[in-house]
N, C-alpha and C. Protein backbone atom coordinates (compact mmCIF):
# COMPACT_ATOMS: atom_id res chain seq x y z
N MET A 1 6.84 -13.81 -184.18
CA MET A 1 7.62 -14.78 -183.97
C MET A 1 6.81 -16.08 -183.90
N THR A 2 7.29 -16.95 -184.57
CA THR A 2 6.44 -18.19 -184.70
C THR A 2 6.71 -19.32 -183.47
N ARG A 3 5.49 -19.88 -183.24
CA ARG A 3 5.39 -20.97 -182.17
C ARG A 3 6.75 -21.87 -182.23
N ALA A 4 7.59 -22.11 -183.06
CA ALA A 4 8.56 -23.08 -182.84
C ALA A 4 9.86 -22.22 -182.46
N ARG A 5 9.93 -21.06 -183.21
CA ARG A 5 11.22 -20.30 -182.66
C ARG A 5 10.81 -19.88 -181.22
N LEU A 6 9.65 -19.53 -180.81
CA LEU A 6 9.42 -19.25 -179.29
C LEU A 6 9.71 -20.49 -178.47
N GLY A 7 9.30 -21.69 -179.02
CA GLY A 7 9.56 -22.97 -178.24
C GLY A 7 11.20 -23.06 -178.27
N VAL A 8 11.93 -22.70 -179.17
CA VAL A 8 13.20 -23.05 -179.19
C VAL A 8 14.02 -21.97 -178.22
N ALA A 9 13.58 -20.75 -178.34
CA ALA A 9 13.97 -19.57 -177.23
C ALA A 9 13.87 -20.07 -175.88
N LEU A 10 12.73 -20.49 -175.54
CA LEU A 10 12.33 -21.00 -174.09
C LEU A 10 13.25 -22.12 -173.88
N LEU A 11 13.32 -23.07 -174.66
CA LEU A 11 14.24 -24.12 -174.49
C LEU A 11 15.54 -23.87 -174.07
N TRP A 12 16.18 -23.10 -174.87
CA TRP A 12 17.61 -22.45 -174.64
C TRP A 12 17.59 -21.68 -173.52
N LEU A 13 16.53 -20.91 -173.05
CA LEU A 13 16.90 -19.94 -171.86
C LEU A 13 16.65 -21.10 -170.56
N ALA A 14 16.00 -22.11 -170.80
CA ALA A 14 15.81 -22.96 -169.47
C ALA A 14 17.20 -23.71 -169.33
N THR A 15 17.69 -24.30 -170.47
CA THR A 15 18.94 -24.93 -170.63
C THR A 15 20.17 -24.24 -169.94
N ALA A 16 20.08 -22.98 -170.38
CA ALA A 16 21.22 -21.96 -169.84
C ALA A 16 21.05 -21.65 -168.43
N ARG A 17 19.70 -21.55 -167.74
CA ARG A 17 19.53 -21.22 -166.46
C ARG A 17 19.67 -22.59 -165.64
N CYS A 18 19.58 -23.84 -166.08
CA CYS A 18 20.03 -25.01 -165.37
C CYS A 18 21.31 -25.03 -165.45
N ALA A 19 22.01 -25.01 -166.37
CA ALA A 19 23.49 -24.99 -166.79
C ALA A 19 24.10 -24.04 -165.58
N GLY A 20 23.62 -22.96 -165.42
CA GLY A 20 24.22 -21.85 -164.66
C GLY A 20 24.17 -22.09 -163.33
N ALA A 21 22.88 -23.01 -162.78
CA ALA A 21 22.80 -23.42 -161.27
C ALA A 21 23.62 -24.44 -160.97
N VAL A 22 23.92 -25.46 -161.83
CA VAL A 22 24.92 -26.55 -161.60
C VAL A 22 26.32 -25.95 -161.61
N ALA A 23 26.71 -25.11 -162.41
CA ALA A 23 28.09 -24.53 -162.15
C ALA A 23 28.26 -23.65 -161.00
N ARG A 24 27.28 -23.02 -160.31
CA ARG A 24 27.39 -22.31 -159.01
C ARG A 24 27.18 -23.26 -157.87
N ALA A 25 27.10 -24.45 -157.94
CA ALA A 25 26.74 -25.29 -156.85
C ALA A 25 27.90 -25.33 -155.65
N ALA A 26 27.62 -25.32 -154.49
CA ALA A 26 28.77 -25.10 -153.60
C ALA A 26 29.41 -26.46 -153.30
N PRO A 27 30.75 -26.50 -153.33
CA PRO A 27 31.49 -27.49 -152.86
C PRO A 27 30.89 -28.29 -151.71
N SER A 28 31.31 -29.73 -151.92
CA SER A 28 30.61 -30.23 -150.74
C SER A 28 31.88 -30.60 -149.33
N SER A 29 32.85 -30.04 -149.66
CA SER A 29 33.99 -30.05 -148.59
C SER A 29 34.77 -28.83 -148.71
N LEU A 30 35.30 -28.35 -147.44
CA LEU A 30 36.25 -27.15 -147.49
C LEU A 30 37.27 -27.42 -148.10
N ARG A 31 37.57 -28.65 -148.31
CA ARG A 31 39.27 -28.76 -149.05
C ARG A 31 38.89 -28.57 -150.69
N ASP A 32 37.60 -28.60 -151.21
CA ASP A 32 37.48 -28.22 -152.44
C ASP A 32 37.51 -26.52 -152.72
N TYR A 33 37.74 -25.83 -151.51
CA TYR A 33 37.86 -24.33 -151.71
C TYR A 33 39.08 -24.23 -151.63
N ASP A 34 39.75 -22.98 -152.19
CA ASP A 34 40.85 -22.29 -151.71
C ASP A 34 40.35 -21.39 -150.75
N ILE A 35 41.40 -21.38 -149.73
CA ILE A 35 41.21 -20.42 -148.59
C ILE A 35 42.06 -19.12 -148.83
N LEU A 36 41.31 -17.96 -149.02
CA LEU A 36 42.00 -16.61 -149.15
C LEU A 36 42.44 -16.22 -147.57
N VAL A 37 43.54 -15.68 -147.40
CA VAL A 37 44.09 -15.26 -146.30
C VAL A 37 44.71 -13.83 -146.73
N PRO A 38 44.11 -12.70 -146.83
CA PRO A 38 44.58 -11.64 -147.29
C PRO A 38 45.66 -10.67 -146.57
N LYS A 39 45.13 -10.54 -145.17
CA LYS A 39 45.92 -9.81 -144.14
C LYS A 39 47.21 -10.49 -144.04
N GLN A 40 48.24 -9.47 -143.67
CA GLN A 40 49.73 -9.85 -143.53
C GLN A 40 50.22 -9.86 -142.04
N ASP A 41 49.15 -9.87 -140.96
CA ASP A 41 49.86 -9.43 -139.76
C ASP A 41 50.22 -11.02 -139.06
N SER A 42 50.87 -11.09 -138.08
CA SER A 42 51.80 -12.25 -137.74
C SER A 42 50.73 -13.53 -137.45
N LEU A 43 49.64 -13.14 -136.95
CA LEU A 43 48.26 -14.35 -136.66
C LEU A 43 47.99 -14.70 -138.09
N ASP A 44 47.59 -14.19 -138.93
CA ASP A 44 47.26 -14.31 -140.50
C ASP A 44 48.23 -15.26 -141.42
N ARG A 45 49.65 -14.99 -140.99
CA ARG A 45 50.64 -15.68 -141.78
C ARG A 45 50.67 -16.84 -140.84
N SER A 46 50.49 -17.02 -139.52
CA SER A 46 50.59 -18.36 -138.92
C SER A 46 49.40 -19.22 -138.97
N LEU A 47 48.42 -18.68 -139.34
CA LEU A 47 47.06 -19.12 -139.51
C LEU A 47 47.24 -20.02 -140.90
N ALA A 48 47.86 -19.07 -141.95
CA ALA A 48 47.76 -19.61 -143.53
C ALA A 48 48.84 -20.86 -143.37
N ALA A 49 50.07 -20.78 -142.66
CA ALA A 49 50.87 -21.88 -142.66
C ALA A 49 50.30 -23.06 -141.92
N ALA A 50 49.67 -22.92 -140.93
CA ALA A 50 48.95 -23.81 -140.27
C ALA A 50 47.85 -24.79 -141.15
N LEU A 51 47.15 -23.81 -141.98
CA LEU A 51 46.20 -24.42 -142.85
C LEU A 51 46.92 -25.16 -143.88
N ARG A 52 47.84 -24.54 -144.47
CA ARG A 52 48.87 -25.20 -145.51
C ARG A 52 48.97 -26.67 -144.81
N GLN A 53 49.69 -26.87 -143.69
CA GLN A 53 50.02 -28.00 -143.10
C GLN A 53 49.24 -28.81 -142.99
N ALA A 54 47.92 -28.65 -142.78
CA ALA A 54 46.71 -29.45 -142.53
C ALA A 54 46.04 -29.82 -143.69
N GLY A 55 46.58 -29.41 -144.96
CA GLY A 55 46.51 -29.97 -146.36
C GLY A 55 45.47 -29.15 -147.09
N PHE A 56 45.09 -27.70 -146.50
CA PHE A 56 44.22 -26.87 -147.27
C PHE A 56 45.07 -26.14 -148.48
N SER A 57 44.44 -25.46 -149.40
CA SER A 57 45.15 -24.69 -150.45
C SER A 57 44.79 -23.37 -150.04
N VAL A 58 45.83 -22.63 -149.79
CA VAL A 58 45.66 -21.29 -149.34
C VAL A 58 46.35 -20.30 -150.26
N ARG A 59 45.54 -18.93 -150.45
CA ARG A 59 46.11 -18.12 -151.44
C ARG A 59 46.05 -16.77 -150.46
N ARG A 60 47.14 -16.19 -150.88
CA ARG A 60 47.16 -14.53 -150.38
C ARG A 60 46.19 -13.38 -150.97
N ARG A 61 46.28 -13.50 -152.17
CA ARG A 61 45.39 -12.65 -153.39
C ARG A 61 44.29 -13.38 -153.98
N VAL A 62 43.39 -12.16 -154.22
CA VAL A 62 42.12 -12.68 -154.92
C VAL A 62 42.70 -12.96 -156.43
N ARG A 63 41.94 -14.08 -156.97
CA ARG A 63 42.22 -14.33 -158.46
C ARG A 63 40.68 -14.80 -158.96
N GLY A 64 40.41 -13.90 -160.02
CA GLY A 64 39.17 -14.42 -160.38
C GLY A 64 39.29 -15.64 -161.47
N GLY A 65 38.18 -16.36 -161.60
CA GLY A 65 38.07 -17.57 -162.58
C GLY A 65 38.63 -18.56 -162.25
N GLY A 66 39.07 -18.54 -160.80
CA GLY A 66 39.76 -20.00 -160.39
C GLY A 66 38.95 -20.84 -159.83
N ARG A 67 39.12 -21.60 -158.80
CA ARG A 67 38.26 -22.53 -158.00
C ARG A 67 37.49 -21.77 -156.93
N PRO A 68 36.47 -22.31 -156.42
CA PRO A 68 35.61 -21.69 -155.27
C PRO A 68 36.74 -21.28 -154.28
N THR A 69 36.53 -20.02 -153.70
CA THR A 69 37.16 -19.65 -152.82
C THR A 69 36.46 -19.21 -151.46
N VAL A 70 36.81 -19.32 -150.18
CA VAL A 70 36.27 -18.76 -148.97
C VAL A 70 37.51 -17.60 -148.70
N ALA A 71 36.83 -16.45 -148.00
CA ALA A 71 37.87 -15.64 -147.42
C ALA A 71 37.73 -15.67 -145.79
N VAL A 72 38.95 -15.42 -145.28
CA VAL A 72 39.02 -15.58 -143.86
C VAL A 72 38.63 -14.16 -143.40
N ILE A 73 37.79 -14.03 -142.60
CA ILE A 73 37.36 -12.68 -141.81
C ILE A 73 37.32 -12.82 -140.55
N SER A 74 38.38 -12.04 -139.79
CA SER A 74 38.63 -12.29 -138.52
C SER A 74 38.56 -10.72 -137.78
N PHE A 75 37.89 -10.97 -136.43
CA PHE A 75 37.88 -9.92 -135.68
C PHE A 75 37.99 -10.01 -134.29
N ARG A 76 38.39 -9.24 -133.51
CA ARG A 76 38.18 -9.34 -131.89
C ARG A 76 37.04 -8.61 -131.30
N PHE A 77 36.64 -9.17 -130.50
CA PHE A 77 35.48 -8.44 -129.56
C PHE A 77 35.49 -8.65 -128.21
N TRP A 78 35.40 -7.33 -127.54
CA TRP A 78 35.58 -7.38 -126.25
C TRP A 78 34.23 -6.93 -125.70
N ALA A 79 34.11 -7.60 -124.46
CA ALA A 79 32.42 -7.34 -123.65
C ALA A 79 32.51 -5.92 -123.30
N PRO A 80 31.25 -5.51 -123.07
CA PRO A 80 31.19 -4.05 -122.38
C PRO A 80 32.23 -3.70 -121.41
N ASP A 81 32.13 -4.75 -120.46
CA ASP A 81 33.21 -4.50 -119.27
C ASP A 81 34.53 -4.50 -119.50
N SER A 82 35.29 -3.66 -119.54
CA SER A 82 36.85 -3.75 -120.10
C SER A 82 37.75 -4.70 -119.54
N ALA A 83 37.25 -5.32 -118.14
CA ALA A 83 37.96 -6.31 -117.57
C ALA A 83 37.90 -7.73 -118.14
N SER A 84 36.99 -7.94 -119.17
CA SER A 84 36.98 -9.39 -119.56
C SER A 84 37.69 -9.47 -120.79
N THR A 85 38.19 -10.99 -120.86
CA THR A 85 39.12 -11.31 -122.06
C THR A 85 38.44 -11.02 -123.51
N PRO A 86 39.16 -10.70 -124.62
CA PRO A 86 38.85 -10.57 -126.02
C PRO A 86 38.53 -11.86 -126.60
N TRP A 87 37.39 -11.75 -127.09
CA TRP A 87 37.28 -13.27 -128.10
C TRP A 87 37.97 -13.02 -129.37
N LEU A 88 38.38 -13.80 -130.03
CA LEU A 88 38.92 -13.98 -131.23
C LEU A 88 37.64 -14.54 -132.21
N HIS A 89 37.18 -13.95 -133.37
CA HIS A 89 35.97 -14.45 -134.19
C HIS A 89 36.69 -14.84 -135.54
N LEU A 90 36.59 -15.91 -135.90
CA LEU A 90 36.85 -16.18 -137.62
C LEU A 90 35.94 -16.71 -138.35
N ARG A 91 35.73 -16.10 -139.54
CA ARG A 91 34.60 -16.62 -140.17
C ARG A 91 35.22 -16.81 -141.81
N LEU A 92 34.97 -17.98 -142.29
CA LEU A 92 35.36 -18.33 -143.69
C LEU A 92 33.94 -17.97 -144.40
N ALA A 93 34.08 -17.09 -145.56
CA ALA A 93 32.77 -16.82 -146.33
C ALA A 93 33.14 -17.03 -147.55
N ASP A 94 32.18 -17.69 -148.49
CA ASP A 94 32.36 -18.07 -149.77
C ASP A 94 32.31 -16.67 -150.47
N THR A 95 33.32 -16.48 -151.24
CA THR A 95 33.54 -15.08 -151.94
C THR A 95 32.53 -15.05 -153.11
N ARG A 96 31.90 -16.00 -153.56
CA ARG A 96 30.92 -15.98 -154.73
C ARG A 96 29.50 -15.70 -154.02
N THR A 97 29.24 -16.22 -152.90
CA THR A 97 27.71 -16.15 -152.60
C THR A 97 27.79 -15.31 -151.10
N GLY A 98 28.71 -15.53 -150.44
CA GLY A 98 28.62 -14.62 -149.27
C GLY A 98 28.36 -15.39 -147.89
N VAL A 99 27.98 -16.73 -148.41
CA VAL A 99 27.73 -17.50 -147.14
C VAL A 99 28.72 -18.12 -146.38
N ILE A 100 28.65 -18.06 -144.79
CA ILE A 100 29.47 -18.51 -144.13
C ILE A 100 29.44 -19.88 -144.00
N VAL A 101 30.79 -20.38 -144.25
CA VAL A 101 30.81 -22.03 -144.57
C VAL A 101 31.34 -22.45 -143.18
N VAL A 102 32.32 -21.86 -142.46
CA VAL A 102 32.75 -22.22 -141.23
C VAL A 102 32.96 -21.14 -140.30
N ALA A 103 32.38 -21.29 -139.07
CA ALA A 103 32.66 -20.00 -138.04
C ALA A 103 33.38 -20.74 -136.88
N VAL A 104 34.36 -19.86 -136.39
CA VAL A 104 34.92 -20.16 -135.10
C VAL A 104 35.21 -19.03 -134.15
N SER A 105 34.75 -19.41 -132.78
CA SER A 105 34.99 -18.24 -132.10
C SER A 105 35.72 -18.85 -130.67
N ALA A 106 36.46 -18.02 -129.91
CA ALA A 106 37.25 -18.55 -128.90
C ALA A 106 37.98 -17.27 -128.12
N PRO A 107 37.82 -17.44 -126.68
CA PRO A 107 38.55 -16.54 -125.76
C PRO A 107 39.93 -16.50 -126.25
N GLU A 108 40.55 -15.35 -126.69
CA GLU A 108 41.76 -15.24 -127.14
C GLU A 108 42.93 -15.99 -126.14
N ASP A 109 42.89 -15.66 -125.10
CA ASP A 109 43.85 -16.15 -124.19
C ASP A 109 43.85 -17.93 -124.21
N SER A 110 42.53 -18.44 -124.46
CA SER A 110 42.66 -19.78 -124.53
C SER A 110 43.29 -20.52 -125.80
N LEU A 111 43.82 -19.97 -126.65
CA LEU A 111 44.26 -20.32 -128.09
C LEU A 111 45.61 -20.28 -128.17
N GLY A 112 46.18 -20.17 -126.87
CA GLY A 112 47.89 -20.20 -126.54
C GLY A 112 48.45 -18.95 -126.59
N SER A 113 49.86 -18.78 -126.40
CA SER A 113 50.59 -17.66 -126.30
C SER A 113 51.35 -17.32 -127.69
N GLY A 114 51.14 -16.47 -128.24
CA GLY A 114 51.90 -16.04 -129.40
C GLY A 114 51.08 -16.63 -130.63
N PRO A 115 51.41 -15.71 -131.64
CA PRO A 115 50.74 -16.08 -132.91
C PRO A 115 50.76 -17.58 -133.45
N ASP A 116 51.89 -17.95 -133.42
CA ASP A 116 52.12 -19.35 -133.93
C ASP A 116 51.23 -20.40 -133.11
N ALA A 117 51.06 -20.28 -131.99
CA ALA A 117 50.32 -21.42 -131.12
C ALA A 117 48.70 -20.93 -131.66
N ARG A 118 48.32 -19.51 -131.69
CA ARG A 118 47.24 -19.36 -131.95
C ARG A 118 46.80 -19.73 -133.21
N GLY A 119 47.72 -19.65 -134.34
CA GLY A 119 47.36 -19.89 -135.58
C GLY A 119 47.10 -21.39 -135.88
N ARG A 120 47.78 -22.28 -135.11
CA ARG A 120 47.63 -23.72 -135.18
C ARG A 120 46.26 -24.11 -134.39
N ALA A 121 45.91 -23.27 -133.21
CA ALA A 121 44.82 -23.57 -132.73
C ALA A 121 43.51 -23.27 -133.48
N LEU A 122 43.42 -22.42 -134.40
CA LEU A 122 42.51 -21.75 -135.35
C LEU A 122 42.52 -22.80 -136.34
N ALA A 123 43.52 -23.26 -136.86
CA ALA A 123 43.47 -24.15 -138.31
C ALA A 123 42.82 -25.53 -137.59
N ASP A 124 43.15 -25.93 -136.43
CA ASP A 124 42.87 -27.20 -135.94
C ASP A 124 41.21 -27.07 -135.81
N SER A 125 40.69 -25.73 -135.20
CA SER A 125 39.34 -25.65 -135.13
C SER A 125 38.61 -25.63 -136.34
N ILE A 126 39.24 -25.08 -137.27
CA ILE A 126 38.63 -24.86 -138.84
C ILE A 126 38.37 -26.15 -139.25
N ALA A 127 39.69 -26.98 -139.27
CA ALA A 127 39.54 -28.30 -139.64
C ALA A 127 38.51 -29.23 -139.15
N THR A 128 38.35 -29.09 -137.82
CA THR A 128 37.37 -29.88 -137.08
C THR A 128 35.68 -29.46 -137.52
N ARG A 129 35.57 -28.02 -137.34
CA ARG A 129 34.32 -27.68 -137.87
C ARG A 129 34.03 -27.84 -139.31
N ALA A 130 34.82 -28.04 -140.19
CA ALA A 130 34.70 -27.98 -141.74
C ALA A 130 34.17 -29.54 -141.95
N ARG A 131 34.40 -30.43 -141.01
CA ARG A 131 34.17 -32.09 -141.38
C ARG A 131 32.57 -32.31 -141.05
N SER A 132 32.07 -31.19 -140.20
CA SER A 132 30.59 -31.26 -140.26
C SER A 132 29.80 -30.28 -140.84
N ALA A 133 30.58 -28.98 -141.02
CA ALA A 133 29.58 -27.84 -141.69
C ALA A 133 29.18 -28.16 -142.91
N LEU A 134 29.90 -28.91 -143.86
CA LEU A 134 29.55 -28.74 -145.12
C LEU A 134 28.63 -30.22 -145.49
N ARG A 135 28.14 -30.60 -144.55
CA ARG A 135 27.28 -31.95 -144.97
C ARG A 135 25.76 -31.65 -145.16
N ARG A 136 25.49 -30.35 -145.29
CA ARG A 136 23.88 -30.16 -145.56
C ARG A 136 24.11 -30.11 -147.21
N THR A 137 23.01 -30.43 -147.44
CA THR A 137 22.74 -30.06 -149.12
C THR A 137 22.58 -28.71 -149.34
N PRO A 138 22.92 -28.24 -150.44
CA PRO A 138 22.94 -26.82 -150.85
C PRO A 138 21.46 -26.13 -150.72
N PHE A 139 20.54 -27.02 -151.10
CA PHE A 139 19.09 -26.32 -151.07
C PHE A 139 18.49 -26.52 -149.49
N GLU A 140 19.14 -26.93 -148.47
CA GLU A 140 18.51 -26.97 -147.21
C GLU A 140 18.50 -25.71 -146.83
N PRO A 141 17.42 -25.52 -145.97
CA PRO A 141 17.60 -24.13 -145.45
C PRO A 141 18.41 -23.92 -144.01
């Protein structure tokens, strides 16, 4: 291989690598993401409706080749002593990188009674946290 061909090959490789890095840059706002709420229980349906009302783009199914997406991961946690109130933990994770974009945790009884009140409270918390969570630059540790 001649030096000219080697130089062209290296230039092409560097350009392709830089273009890929730019294409995978994380959005600067949670509103630039689609929010995937895949589960179908009453709390998740209420959360999806409240997020839509708050102006977020919400989906129920995984779709390839679309906008950047965060998936809602929710779980309950009880402390070792069974008399304590369970905590509800919600994480919004980027589906391409796995990075947690927004995290919300609260005692379940503080979110209100019923799935509609809890869904609205969680959506409000997500919107509040999202305003400050994505202000970091993508390369900041």
